[in-house]
N, C-alpha and C. Protein backbone atom coordinates (compact mmCIF):
# COMPACT_ATOMS: atom_id res chain seq x y z
N MET A 1 -17.40 53.97 84.04
CA MET A 1 -16.52 52.79 84.05
C MET A 1 -15.58 52.86 82.84
N LYS A 2 -14.29 52.72 83.08
CA LYS A 2 -13.31 52.76 82.01
C LYS A 2 -12.69 51.38 81.83
N ASN A 3 -12.12 51.17 80.63
CA ASN A 3 -11.43 49.92 80.35
C ASN A 3 -12.32 48.71 80.65
N LYS A 4 -13.51 48.72 80.09
CA LYS A 4 -14.44 47.62 80.32
C LYS A 4 -13.90 46.32 79.73
N ASN A 5 -14.24 45.21 80.38
CA ASN A 5 -13.86 43.89 79.89
C ASN A 5 -14.88 43.32 78.92
N PHE A 6 -16.10 43.87 78.95
CA PHE A 6 -17.16 43.39 78.07
C PHE A 6 -17.77 44.56 77.29
N ASP A 7 -18.14 44.26 76.05
CA ASP A 7 -18.82 45.26 75.22
C ASP A 7 -20.31 44.94 75.08
N LEU A 8 -20.62 43.65 75.01
CA LEU A 8 -21.99 43.21 74.76
C LEU A 8 -22.44 42.29 75.90
N ILE A 9 -23.58 42.61 76.49
CA ILE A 9 -24.17 41.76 77.53
C ILE A 9 -25.54 41.32 77.04
N VAL A 10 -25.71 40.01 76.96
CA VAL A 10 -26.93 39.42 76.41
C VAL A 10 -27.68 38.71 77.53
N PHE A 11 -28.97 38.97 77.62
CA PHE A 11 -29.79 38.39 78.68
C PHE A 11 -30.82 37.43 78.11
N ASP A 12 -30.99 36.32 78.77
CA ASP A 12 -32.18 35.51 78.58
C ASP A 12 -33.36 36.31 79.14
N TRP A 13 -34.58 35.92 78.79
CA TRP A 13 -35.75 36.66 79.25
C TRP A 13 -36.44 35.95 80.43
N ASP A 14 -37.13 34.85 80.13
CA ASP A 14 -37.92 34.15 81.16
C ASP A 14 -37.01 33.49 82.19
N GLY A 15 -37.25 33.82 83.46
CA GLY A 15 -36.46 33.24 84.54
C GLY A 15 -35.19 34.00 84.85
N THR A 16 -34.86 34.97 84.00
CA THR A 16 -33.66 35.79 84.21
C THR A 16 -34.03 37.24 84.50
N LEU A 17 -34.89 37.81 83.66
CA LEU A 17 -35.36 39.18 83.85
C LEU A 17 -36.76 39.22 84.46
N VAL A 18 -37.58 38.24 84.11
CA VAL A 18 -38.96 38.19 84.62
C VAL A 18 -39.23 36.84 85.28
N ASP A 19 -40.06 36.87 86.31
CA ASP A 19 -40.32 35.70 87.14
C ASP A 19 -41.46 34.86 86.55
N SER A 20 -41.16 34.19 85.44
CA SER A 20 -42.18 33.48 84.68
C SER A 20 -42.03 31.97 84.71
N THR A 21 -41.02 31.46 85.40
CA THR A 21 -40.72 30.03 85.37
C THR A 21 -41.91 29.17 85.80
N ALA A 22 -42.49 29.49 86.93
CA ALA A 22 -43.60 28.68 87.44
C ALA A 22 -44.79 28.71 86.48
N HIS A 23 -45.06 29.88 85.91
CA HIS A 23 -46.19 30.01 85.00
C HIS A 23 -45.96 29.21 83.71
N ILE A 24 -44.73 29.23 83.20
CA ILE A 24 -44.43 28.45 81.99
C ILE A 24 -44.58 26.96 82.25
N ALA A 25 -44.02 26.48 83.37
CA ALA A 25 -44.13 25.06 83.70
C ALA A 25 -45.59 24.66 83.86
N TRP A 26 -46.36 25.49 84.53
CA TRP A 26 -47.79 25.22 84.72
C TRP A 26 -48.51 25.17 83.37
N SER A 27 -48.18 26.08 82.47
CA SER A 27 -48.82 26.12 81.16
C SER A 27 -48.49 24.88 80.35
N ILE A 28 -47.25 24.41 80.44
CA ILE A 28 -46.87 23.17 79.76
C ILE A 28 -47.69 22.00 80.28
N GLN A 29 -47.79 21.89 81.59
CA GLN A 29 -48.53 20.78 82.18
C GLN A 29 -50.00 20.83 81.81
N ARG A 30 -50.59 22.03 81.81
CA ARG A 30 -52.01 22.14 81.46
C ARG A 30 -52.24 21.81 79.98
N ALA A 31 -51.27 22.14 79.13
CA ALA A 31 -51.40 21.81 77.72
C ALA A 31 -51.46 20.30 77.51
N TYR A 32 -50.62 19.57 78.21
CA TYR A 32 -50.65 18.11 78.11
C TYR A 32 -51.96 17.56 78.68
N GLU A 33 -52.42 18.15 79.75
CA GLU A 33 -53.68 17.72 80.33
C GLU A 33 -54.82 17.92 79.33
N ASP A 34 -54.86 19.05 78.67
CA ASP A 34 -55.90 19.32 77.68
C ASP A 34 -55.84 18.34 76.53
N ALA A 35 -54.61 17.95 76.15
CA ALA A 35 -54.44 17.02 75.03
C ALA A 35 -54.63 15.57 75.45
N LYS A 36 -54.95 15.36 76.74
CA LYS A 36 -55.17 14.01 77.29
C LYS A 36 -53.95 13.12 77.08
N LEU A 37 -52.80 13.70 77.37
CA LEU A 37 -51.52 13.00 77.29
C LEU A 37 -50.86 13.01 78.66
N PRO A 38 -49.94 12.08 78.93
CA PRO A 38 -49.26 12.07 80.24
C PRO A 38 -48.63 13.42 80.55
N ILE A 39 -48.90 13.92 81.73
CA ILE A 39 -48.44 15.25 82.11
C ILE A 39 -46.98 15.20 82.56
N PRO A 40 -46.12 16.02 82.01
CA PRO A 40 -44.71 16.04 82.43
C PRO A 40 -44.58 16.41 83.91
N THR A 41 -43.54 15.92 84.52
CA THR A 41 -43.27 16.30 85.90
C THR A 41 -42.88 17.77 85.96
N GLN A 42 -42.94 18.33 87.15
CA GLN A 42 -42.52 19.71 87.34
C GLN A 42 -41.06 19.89 86.95
N GLU A 43 -40.23 18.93 87.31
CA GLU A 43 -38.79 19.02 86.98
C GLU A 43 -38.57 19.04 85.48
N ASP A 44 -39.26 18.15 84.75
CA ASP A 44 -39.10 18.12 83.30
C ASP A 44 -39.65 19.39 82.65
N ALA A 45 -40.79 19.87 83.15
CA ALA A 45 -41.38 21.09 82.59
C ALA A 45 -40.46 22.29 82.80
N ARG A 46 -39.77 22.34 83.92
CA ARG A 46 -38.84 23.44 84.18
C ARG A 46 -37.56 23.28 83.36
N HIS A 47 -37.15 22.04 83.13
CA HIS A 47 -35.90 21.80 82.41
C HIS A 47 -35.94 22.38 80.99
N VAL A 48 -37.09 22.29 80.33
CA VAL A 48 -37.16 22.69 78.92
C VAL A 48 -37.37 24.18 78.73
N ILE A 49 -37.56 24.92 79.81
CA ILE A 49 -37.75 26.36 79.68
C ILE A 49 -36.50 26.99 79.05
N GLY A 50 -36.72 27.78 78.03
CA GLY A 50 -35.62 28.41 77.32
C GLY A 50 -35.39 27.82 75.94
N LEU A 51 -35.86 26.59 75.74
CA LEU A 51 -35.76 25.99 74.42
C LEU A 51 -36.87 26.54 73.52
N GLY A 52 -36.71 26.39 72.22
CA GLY A 52 -37.80 26.71 71.32
C GLY A 52 -38.94 25.73 71.54
N LEU A 53 -40.16 26.11 71.13
CA LEU A 53 -41.32 25.25 71.38
C LEU A 53 -41.17 23.88 70.74
N SER A 54 -40.62 23.81 69.54
CA SER A 54 -40.45 22.52 68.88
C SER A 54 -39.53 21.61 69.67
N ASP A 55 -38.39 22.15 70.11
CA ASP A 55 -37.45 21.35 70.90
C ASP A 55 -38.03 21.01 72.27
N THR A 56 -38.82 21.91 72.83
CA THR A 56 -39.45 21.67 74.13
C THR A 56 -40.27 20.39 74.11
N PHE A 57 -41.16 20.30 73.14
CA PHE A 57 -42.07 19.16 73.12
C PHE A 57 -41.42 17.92 72.52
N GLN A 58 -40.38 18.10 71.71
CA GLN A 58 -39.61 16.95 71.24
C GLN A 58 -38.87 16.31 72.39
N TYR A 59 -38.36 17.12 73.31
CA TYR A 59 -37.67 16.59 74.49
C TYR A 59 -38.65 15.88 75.42
N LEU A 60 -39.80 16.50 75.66
CA LEU A 60 -40.76 15.94 76.60
C LEU A 60 -41.47 14.71 76.04
N SER A 61 -41.73 14.72 74.73
CA SER A 61 -42.51 13.63 74.13
C SER A 61 -42.00 13.36 72.71
N PRO A 62 -40.93 12.59 72.57
CA PRO A 62 -40.34 12.36 71.24
C PRO A 62 -41.28 11.69 70.24
N SER A 63 -42.30 10.99 70.74
CA SER A 63 -43.17 10.23 69.84
C SER A 63 -44.48 10.93 69.52
N LEU A 64 -44.58 12.22 69.79
CA LEU A 64 -45.81 12.94 69.48
C LEU A 64 -46.11 12.91 67.98
N THR A 65 -47.38 12.75 67.65
CA THR A 65 -47.77 12.90 66.26
C THR A 65 -47.82 14.39 65.93
N SER A 66 -47.85 14.71 64.67
CA SER A 66 -47.90 16.13 64.28
C SER A 66 -49.18 16.79 64.80
N GLU A 67 -50.27 16.05 64.83
CA GLU A 67 -51.53 16.61 65.33
C GLU A 67 -51.46 16.85 66.83
N GLN A 68 -50.86 15.91 67.58
CA GLN A 68 -50.70 16.09 69.02
C GLN A 68 -49.79 17.28 69.31
N HIS A 69 -48.73 17.39 68.55
CA HIS A 69 -47.81 18.52 68.73
C HIS A 69 -48.53 19.84 68.49
N LYS A 70 -49.31 19.91 67.43
CA LYS A 70 -50.06 21.13 67.12
C LYS A 70 -51.03 21.47 68.25
N THR A 71 -51.70 20.46 68.79
CA THR A 71 -52.65 20.69 69.88
C THR A 71 -51.95 21.21 71.12
N ILE A 72 -50.84 20.58 71.49
CA ILE A 72 -50.12 20.99 72.69
C ILE A 72 -49.60 22.42 72.56
N VAL A 73 -49.05 22.76 71.42
CA VAL A 73 -48.55 24.12 71.21
C VAL A 73 -49.70 25.13 71.34
N GLU A 74 -50.83 24.82 70.74
CA GLU A 74 -51.97 25.74 70.81
C GLU A 74 -52.46 25.90 72.24
N ARG A 75 -52.55 24.79 72.96
CA ARG A 75 -53.04 24.85 74.33
C ARG A 75 -52.02 25.51 75.25
N TYR A 76 -50.74 25.29 74.99
CA TYR A 76 -49.71 25.97 75.80
C TYR A 76 -49.85 27.48 75.64
N ARG A 77 -49.96 27.94 74.42
CA ARG A 77 -50.08 29.38 74.18
C ARG A 77 -51.34 29.94 74.83
N HIS A 78 -52.41 29.17 74.75
CA HIS A 78 -53.65 29.61 75.39
C HIS A 78 -53.46 29.83 76.88
N HIS A 79 -52.89 28.83 77.56
CA HIS A 79 -52.73 28.94 79.01
C HIS A 79 -51.73 30.03 79.39
N PHE A 80 -50.66 30.14 78.63
CA PHE A 80 -49.66 31.16 78.95
C PHE A 80 -50.25 32.56 78.82
N LEU A 81 -50.99 32.77 77.76
CA LEU A 81 -51.52 34.12 77.51
C LEU A 81 -52.66 34.50 78.44
N THR A 82 -53.35 33.52 79.00
CA THR A 82 -54.48 33.85 79.87
C THR A 82 -54.03 34.50 81.18
N ALA A 83 -52.77 34.32 81.54
CA ALA A 83 -52.33 34.86 82.83
C ALA A 83 -50.96 35.50 82.78
N ASP A 84 -50.44 35.78 81.57
CA ASP A 84 -49.07 36.31 81.52
C ASP A 84 -48.97 37.71 82.09
N GLU A 85 -50.12 38.40 82.24
CA GLU A 85 -50.05 39.74 82.83
C GLU A 85 -49.69 39.69 84.31
N LYS A 86 -49.78 38.51 84.91
CA LYS A 86 -49.44 38.36 86.32
C LYS A 86 -47.94 38.20 86.54
N ILE A 87 -47.19 38.01 85.47
CA ILE A 87 -45.74 37.79 85.58
C ILE A 87 -45.07 39.09 86.05
N GLN A 88 -44.22 38.96 87.04
CA GLN A 88 -43.54 40.11 87.63
C GLN A 88 -42.07 40.16 87.22
N THR A 89 -41.52 41.35 87.21
CA THR A 89 -40.09 41.53 86.97
C THR A 89 -39.32 41.21 88.24
N PHE A 90 -38.15 40.60 88.09
CA PHE A 90 -37.32 40.37 89.26
C PHE A 90 -36.82 41.69 89.84
N GLU A 91 -36.58 41.68 91.13
CA GLU A 91 -36.13 42.89 91.82
C GLU A 91 -34.81 43.40 91.25
N TYR A 92 -34.75 44.70 91.07
CA TYR A 92 -33.57 45.46 90.67
C TYR A 92 -33.22 45.33 89.18
N VAL A 93 -34.04 44.63 88.40
CA VAL A 93 -33.74 44.49 86.97
C VAL A 93 -33.79 45.85 86.27
N GLU A 94 -34.84 46.62 86.49
CA GLU A 94 -34.95 47.91 85.81
C GLU A 94 -33.79 48.83 86.18
N GLU A 95 -33.50 48.92 87.46
CA GLU A 95 -32.40 49.80 87.90
C GLU A 95 -31.06 49.31 87.37
N GLY A 96 -30.88 47.99 87.39
CA GLY A 96 -29.61 47.43 86.91
C GLY A 96 -29.39 47.66 85.43
N LEU A 97 -30.42 47.45 84.63
CA LEU A 97 -30.29 47.67 83.20
C LEU A 97 -30.09 49.15 82.88
N ARG A 98 -30.74 50.01 83.64
CA ARG A 98 -30.52 51.44 83.44
C ARG A 98 -29.05 51.79 83.69
N PHE A 99 -28.49 51.25 84.77
CA PHE A 99 -27.09 51.52 85.07
C PHE A 99 -26.18 51.04 83.94
N LEU A 100 -26.40 49.81 83.47
CA LEU A 100 -25.55 49.27 82.40
C LEU A 100 -25.68 50.10 81.13
N SER A 101 -26.87 50.56 80.84
CA SER A 101 -27.07 51.40 79.66
C SER A 101 -26.30 52.71 79.81
N GLU A 102 -26.32 53.28 81.00
CA GLU A 102 -25.59 54.53 81.25
C GLU A 102 -24.09 54.35 81.13
N GLN A 103 -23.62 53.11 81.31
CA GLN A 103 -22.19 52.82 81.18
C GLN A 103 -21.80 52.44 79.75
N ASP A 104 -22.75 52.59 78.83
CA ASP A 104 -22.50 52.39 77.40
C ASP A 104 -22.23 50.94 77.01
N TYR A 105 -22.74 49.99 77.76
CA TYR A 105 -22.72 48.61 77.29
C TYR A 105 -23.77 48.46 76.19
N GLN A 106 -23.50 47.58 75.25
CA GLN A 106 -24.53 47.14 74.32
C GLN A 106 -25.32 46.05 75.02
N LEU A 107 -26.63 46.19 75.10
CA LEU A 107 -27.48 45.24 75.81
C LEU A 107 -28.42 44.57 74.81
N ALA A 108 -28.59 43.24 74.98
CA ALA A 108 -29.43 42.50 74.04
C ALA A 108 -30.14 41.37 74.77
N VAL A 109 -31.09 40.75 74.08
CA VAL A 109 -31.85 39.62 74.60
C VAL A 109 -31.72 38.46 73.62
N ALA A 110 -31.49 37.26 74.17
CA ALA A 110 -31.53 36.02 73.39
C ALA A 110 -32.49 35.08 74.10
N THR A 111 -33.58 34.74 73.45
CA THR A 111 -34.65 34.02 74.13
C THR A 111 -35.27 32.95 73.24
N GLY A 112 -35.81 31.92 73.87
CA GLY A 112 -36.55 30.91 73.15
C GLY A 112 -37.95 31.35 72.78
N LYS A 113 -38.38 32.52 73.26
CA LYS A 113 -39.70 33.03 72.92
C LYS A 113 -39.78 33.32 71.42
N SER A 114 -40.98 33.31 70.90
CA SER A 114 -41.18 33.73 69.52
C SER A 114 -41.00 35.23 69.41
N ARG A 115 -40.83 35.71 68.17
CA ARG A 115 -40.71 37.16 67.97
C ARG A 115 -41.97 37.89 68.45
N ILE A 116 -43.11 37.33 68.13
CA ILE A 116 -44.36 37.96 68.58
C ILE A 116 -44.42 37.99 70.10
N GLY A 117 -44.02 36.87 70.73
CA GLY A 117 -44.08 36.78 72.19
C GLY A 117 -43.12 37.75 72.86
N LEU A 118 -41.91 37.86 72.33
CA LEU A 118 -40.94 38.77 72.95
C LEU A 118 -41.35 40.22 72.75
N ASP A 119 -41.80 40.57 71.56
CA ASP A 119 -42.22 41.96 71.32
C ASP A 119 -43.35 42.35 72.27
N ARG A 120 -44.28 41.43 72.51
CA ARG A 120 -45.36 41.71 73.45
C ARG A 120 -44.82 41.87 74.86
N ALA A 121 -43.90 40.99 75.26
CA ALA A 121 -43.34 41.05 76.60
C ALA A 121 -42.54 42.33 76.83
N ILE A 122 -41.74 42.72 75.84
CA ILE A 122 -40.94 43.93 75.97
C ILE A 122 -41.82 45.16 76.10
N ALA A 123 -42.96 45.15 75.40
CA ALA A 123 -43.86 46.30 75.45
C ALA A 123 -44.53 46.44 76.82
N GLU A 124 -44.52 45.36 77.61
CA GLU A 124 -45.22 45.36 78.89
C GLU A 124 -44.32 45.69 80.08
N VAL A 125 -43.01 45.84 79.84
CA VAL A 125 -42.09 46.12 80.95
C VAL A 125 -41.51 47.52 80.79
N PRO A 126 -41.08 48.13 81.89
CA PRO A 126 -40.56 49.50 81.82
C PRO A 126 -39.12 49.60 81.33
N PHE A 127 -38.46 48.47 81.15
CA PHE A 127 -37.04 48.52 80.77
C PHE A 127 -36.79 48.07 79.34
N GLY A 128 -37.83 47.87 78.54
CA GLY A 128 -37.65 47.37 77.18
C GLY A 128 -36.80 48.28 76.31
N GLY A 129 -36.80 49.58 76.60
CA GLY A 129 -36.05 50.52 75.78
C GLY A 129 -34.55 50.46 75.97
N TYR A 130 -34.07 49.70 76.94
CA TYR A 130 -32.63 49.62 77.17
C TYR A 130 -31.93 48.63 76.24
N PHE A 131 -32.70 47.82 75.54
CA PHE A 131 -32.08 46.79 74.69
C PHE A 131 -31.82 47.33 73.30
N HIS A 132 -30.62 47.06 72.82
CA HIS A 132 -30.22 47.51 71.50
C HIS A 132 -30.51 46.47 70.43
N GLY A 133 -30.71 45.22 70.84
CA GLY A 133 -30.98 44.16 69.89
C GLY A 133 -31.60 42.96 70.57
N THR A 134 -32.29 42.14 69.79
CA THR A 134 -32.91 40.93 70.33
C THR A 134 -32.85 39.83 69.28
N ARG A 135 -32.87 38.59 69.78
CA ARG A 135 -32.89 37.43 68.89
C ARG A 135 -33.79 36.38 69.52
N CYS A 136 -34.69 35.81 68.70
CA CYS A 136 -35.72 34.90 69.21
C CYS A 136 -35.56 33.48 68.66
N GLY A 137 -36.26 32.57 69.32
CA GLY A 137 -36.12 31.16 68.98
C GLY A 137 -36.66 30.79 67.63
N ASP A 138 -37.53 31.61 67.05
CA ASP A 138 -38.10 31.29 65.75
C ASP A 138 -37.44 32.07 64.61
N GLU A 139 -36.27 32.65 64.89
CA GLU A 139 -35.57 33.43 63.87
C GLU A 139 -34.29 32.76 63.37
N GLY A 140 -34.02 31.61 63.85
CA GLY A 140 -32.81 30.88 63.46
C GLY A 140 -32.79 29.59 64.24
N PHE A 141 -31.58 29.16 64.62
CA PHE A 141 -31.47 27.96 65.44
C PHE A 141 -31.67 28.34 66.91
N PRO A 142 -32.50 27.59 67.65
CA PRO A 142 -32.72 27.91 69.07
C PRO A 142 -31.56 27.45 69.95
N LYS A 143 -31.60 27.84 71.21
CA LYS A 143 -30.60 27.40 72.18
C LYS A 143 -30.62 25.87 72.28
N PRO A 144 -29.46 25.26 72.54
CA PRO A 144 -28.14 25.86 72.81
C PRO A 144 -27.26 26.06 71.59
N HIS A 145 -27.82 25.96 70.39
CA HIS A 145 -27.05 26.27 69.18
C HIS A 145 -26.51 27.69 69.30
N PRO A 146 -25.29 27.96 68.82
CA PRO A 146 -24.70 29.29 69.01
C PRO A 146 -25.29 30.39 68.14
N ASP A 147 -26.23 30.05 67.26
CA ASP A 147 -26.74 31.01 66.28
C ASP A 147 -27.16 32.35 66.89
N MET A 148 -27.92 32.30 67.99
CA MET A 148 -28.43 33.55 68.58
C MET A 148 -27.29 34.50 68.95
N LEU A 149 -26.30 33.97 69.67
CA LEU A 149 -25.20 34.84 70.10
C LEU A 149 -24.32 35.24 68.92
N LEU A 150 -24.09 34.34 68.00
CA LEU A 150 -23.27 34.69 66.84
C LEU A 150 -23.93 35.81 66.05
N HIS A 151 -25.24 35.75 65.92
CA HIS A 151 -25.97 36.81 65.21
C HIS A 151 -25.80 38.15 65.93
N LEU A 152 -25.98 38.15 67.26
CA LEU A 152 -25.89 39.40 68.02
C LEU A 152 -24.45 39.92 68.05
N MET A 153 -23.48 39.03 68.17
CA MET A 153 -22.08 39.48 68.17
C MET A 153 -21.71 40.10 66.84
N THR A 154 -22.22 39.54 65.75
CA THR A 154 -21.97 40.12 64.43
C THR A 154 -22.65 41.48 64.30
N GLU A 155 -23.89 41.56 64.77
CA GLU A 155 -24.64 42.82 64.69
C GLU A 155 -23.94 43.95 65.41
N PHE A 156 -23.32 43.65 66.54
CA PHE A 156 -22.69 44.70 67.35
C PHE A 156 -21.16 44.67 67.29
N ALA A 157 -20.63 43.89 66.36
CA ALA A 157 -19.17 43.80 66.17
C ALA A 157 -18.47 43.52 67.50
N ALA A 158 -19.01 42.58 68.25
CA ALA A 158 -18.45 42.22 69.56
C ALA A 158 -17.69 40.90 69.45
N GLU A 159 -16.51 40.88 70.02
CA GLU A 159 -15.72 39.66 70.04
C GLU A 159 -16.30 38.70 71.08
N PRO A 160 -16.18 37.38 70.85
CA PRO A 160 -16.74 36.41 71.79
C PRO A 160 -16.24 36.59 73.22
N GLU A 161 -14.94 36.85 73.38
CA GLU A 161 -14.38 36.98 74.72
C GLU A 161 -14.83 38.26 75.42
N ARG A 162 -15.43 39.18 74.67
CA ARG A 162 -15.93 40.42 75.25
C ARG A 162 -17.47 40.45 75.27
N THR A 163 -18.04 39.24 75.17
CA THR A 163 -19.49 39.08 75.20
C THR A 163 -19.87 38.23 76.41
N LEU A 164 -20.88 38.66 77.13
CA LEU A 164 -21.34 37.97 78.33
C LEU A 164 -22.80 37.56 78.13
N MET A 165 -23.08 36.27 78.34
CA MET A 165 -24.44 35.75 78.26
C MET A 165 -24.94 35.46 79.67
N VAL A 166 -26.09 36.04 80.03
CA VAL A 166 -26.65 35.90 81.37
C VAL A 166 -27.96 35.12 81.28
N GLY A 167 -28.04 34.00 82.00
CA GLY A 167 -29.26 33.21 81.92
C GLY A 167 -29.44 32.29 83.11
N ASP A 168 -30.64 31.73 83.21
CA ASP A 168 -31.01 30.91 84.36
C ASP A 168 -31.01 29.42 84.06
N THR A 169 -30.63 29.02 82.83
CA THR A 169 -30.67 27.60 82.49
C THR A 169 -29.34 27.13 81.91
N THR A 170 -29.20 25.82 81.91
CA THR A 170 -28.02 25.23 81.27
C THR A 170 -28.03 25.50 79.77
N HIS A 171 -29.22 25.68 79.19
CA HIS A 171 -29.30 26.00 77.76
C HIS A 171 -28.60 27.33 77.48
N ASP A 172 -28.75 28.30 78.39
CA ASP A 172 -28.11 29.60 78.22
C ASP A 172 -26.59 29.48 78.33
N LEU A 173 -26.14 28.70 79.31
CA LEU A 173 -24.70 28.55 79.51
C LEU A 173 -24.07 27.74 78.38
N GLU A 174 -24.80 26.76 77.86
CA GLU A 174 -24.30 26.00 76.72
C GLU A 174 -24.25 26.89 75.47
N LEU A 175 -25.25 27.77 75.34
CA LEU A 175 -25.24 28.74 74.24
C LEU A 175 -23.98 29.59 74.31
N ALA A 176 -23.67 30.10 75.49
CA ALA A 176 -22.48 30.93 75.65
C ALA A 176 -21.22 30.14 75.28
N ARG A 177 -21.11 28.94 75.81
CA ARG A 177 -19.93 28.11 75.54
C ARG A 177 -19.81 27.81 74.05
N ASN A 178 -20.92 27.46 73.41
CA ASN A 178 -20.88 27.10 71.99
C ASN A 178 -20.52 28.27 71.10
N ALA A 179 -20.80 29.50 71.59
CA ALA A 179 -20.47 30.70 70.80
C ALA A 179 -19.12 31.29 71.18
N GLY A 180 -18.44 30.69 72.17
CA GLY A 180 -17.15 31.19 72.60
C GLY A 180 -17.24 32.37 73.54
N ALA A 181 -18.45 32.67 74.03
CA ALA A 181 -18.65 33.78 74.95
C ALA A 181 -18.54 33.30 76.40
N GLN A 182 -18.62 34.23 77.33
CA GLN A 182 -18.59 33.88 78.74
C GLN A 182 -20.02 33.88 79.28
N GLY A 183 -20.25 33.02 80.28
CA GLY A 183 -21.60 32.86 80.79
C GLY A 183 -21.73 33.19 82.26
N VAL A 184 -22.88 33.75 82.61
CA VAL A 184 -23.25 33.98 84.01
C VAL A 184 -24.55 33.23 84.26
N GLY A 185 -24.57 32.43 85.32
CA GLY A 185 -25.77 31.71 85.69
C GLY A 185 -26.48 32.40 86.84
N VAL A 186 -27.78 32.61 86.70
CA VAL A 186 -28.57 33.15 87.80
C VAL A 186 -29.34 31.98 88.42
N THR A 187 -29.29 31.87 89.73
CA THR A 187 -29.78 30.67 90.40
C THR A 187 -31.25 30.75 90.80
N TYR A 188 -31.92 31.86 90.48
CA TYR A 188 -33.29 32.07 90.95
C TYR A 188 -34.34 31.70 89.89
N GLY A 189 -33.92 31.07 88.78
CA GLY A 189 -34.84 30.76 87.70
C GLY A 189 -35.17 29.29 87.59
N ALA A 190 -35.14 28.77 86.36
CA ALA A 190 -35.64 27.42 86.08
C ALA A 190 -34.70 26.31 86.54
N HIS A 191 -33.40 26.50 86.39
CA HIS A 191 -32.44 25.46 86.74
C HIS A 191 -31.70 25.85 88.01
N GLY A 192 -31.49 24.90 88.87
CA GLY A 192 -30.84 25.18 90.14
C GLY A 192 -29.34 25.33 90.04
N ARG A 193 -28.75 25.73 91.15
CA ARG A 193 -27.30 25.97 91.22
C ARG A 193 -26.49 24.76 90.79
N ASP A 194 -26.89 23.57 91.24
CA ASP A 194 -26.11 22.37 90.93
C ASP A 194 -26.02 22.13 89.43
N LYS A 195 -27.14 22.29 88.73
CA LYS A 195 -27.13 22.10 87.28
C LYS A 195 -26.25 23.14 86.60
N LEU A 196 -26.38 24.37 87.00
CA LEU A 196 -25.61 25.45 86.38
C LEU A 196 -24.12 25.30 86.63
N GLN A 197 -23.77 24.90 87.84
CA GLN A 197 -22.37 24.80 88.23
C GLN A 197 -21.60 23.81 87.37
N LYS A 198 -22.29 22.77 86.88
CA LYS A 198 -21.63 21.75 86.07
C LYS A 198 -21.07 22.31 84.77
N LEU A 199 -21.56 23.47 84.35
CA LEU A 199 -21.09 24.09 83.12
C LEU A 199 -20.01 25.15 83.37
N ASN A 200 -19.58 25.26 84.61
CA ASN A 200 -18.45 26.15 84.98
C ASN A 200 -18.63 27.58 84.45
N PRO A 201 -19.71 28.25 84.82
CA PRO A 201 -19.90 29.63 84.38
C PRO A 201 -18.85 30.55 84.99
N ARG A 202 -18.64 31.68 84.37
CA ARG A 202 -17.71 32.68 84.90
C ARG A 202 -18.17 33.15 86.28
N LEU A 203 -19.49 33.18 86.47
CA LEU A 203 -20.06 33.69 87.71
C LEU A 203 -21.44 33.10 87.90
N MET A 204 -21.84 32.91 89.16
CA MET A 204 -23.22 32.60 89.48
C MET A 204 -23.71 33.60 90.51
N VAL A 205 -24.95 34.05 90.34
CA VAL A 205 -25.51 35.04 91.27
C VAL A 205 -26.87 34.57 91.76
N ASN A 206 -27.20 34.97 92.98
CA ASN A 206 -28.48 34.59 93.58
C ASN A 206 -29.55 35.66 93.39
N GLU A 207 -29.15 36.83 92.96
CA GLU A 207 -30.11 37.90 92.66
C GLU A 207 -29.49 38.84 91.64
N PHE A 208 -30.31 39.58 90.94
CA PHE A 208 -29.85 40.41 89.84
C PHE A 208 -28.87 41.49 90.31
N ARG A 209 -29.10 42.01 91.50
CA ARG A 209 -28.23 43.06 92.01
C ARG A 209 -26.78 42.59 92.11
N GLU A 210 -26.58 41.30 92.44
CA GLU A 210 -25.22 40.76 92.54
C GLU A 210 -24.49 40.86 91.21
N LEU A 211 -25.21 40.62 90.12
CA LEU A 211 -24.60 40.74 88.79
C LEU A 211 -24.11 42.15 88.54
N ILE A 212 -24.94 43.13 88.85
CA ILE A 212 -24.56 44.53 88.61
C ILE A 212 -23.36 44.92 89.46
N GLU A 213 -23.36 44.50 90.71
CA GLU A 213 -22.22 44.82 91.59
C GLU A 213 -20.94 44.16 91.07
N TRP A 214 -21.04 42.96 90.57
CA TRP A 214 -19.86 42.28 89.99
C TRP A 214 -19.36 43.02 88.75
N LEU A 215 -20.29 43.46 87.90
CA LEU A 215 -19.89 44.16 86.68
C LEU A 215 -19.23 45.49 86.98
N LYS A 216 -19.60 46.12 88.08
CA LYS A 216 -18.96 47.40 88.46
C LYS A 216 -17.47 47.20 88.69
N VAL A 217 -17.08 46.00 89.08
CA VAL A 217 -15.67 45.70 89.37
C VAL A 217 -15.00 44.97 88.21
N HIS A 218 -15.71 43.99 87.64
CA HIS A 218 -15.10 43.09 86.66
C HIS A 218 -15.59 43.29 85.23
N GLY A 219 -16.60 44.15 85.06
CA GLY A 219 -17.21 44.30 83.73
C GLY A 219 -16.51 45.28 82.84
């Protein structure tokens, strides 16, 4: 591919590259159940996916005490880790990332996961070696603050207009907008098409393969 329009492509992790949305929402609900607190609805549990853990529980329960917050975080991690090996990669992700790597794009991850969590997740998938950089929710300001993308754009000397953020939530698209980058919404993750469309992304795709086919023409 010659005369590329983008130099840096940044991916969210959960709900974009791996099919973890249902498991995360379930883990959030079970954490509240363990803490004997009102259990968030499925919609609310899915809405906060992608935020840092602190923002997640602040959104769901603004009046939590510090002890309740500590308990919920501990129980969430417990439930997530007991079954995270069951999480599957979305179809065509490995092949698509391989293709983008062969075309000399800089590839990165921006995620609300902790550094420990992302490093573990990357080690468990066959495509972890394609990423040139990563930024996590506990390393600066979490989404939708622009910090993650600004950090990665600086690291790779990429201009905002030549940076593409790919994610399944409004938090990802707001991150892109706040950093001056362009956003792609994937409709198969935590937030539905209607929510994503309100942020006017450059593109929306129903499967990962569609993104790669679009980049072959417009990337």
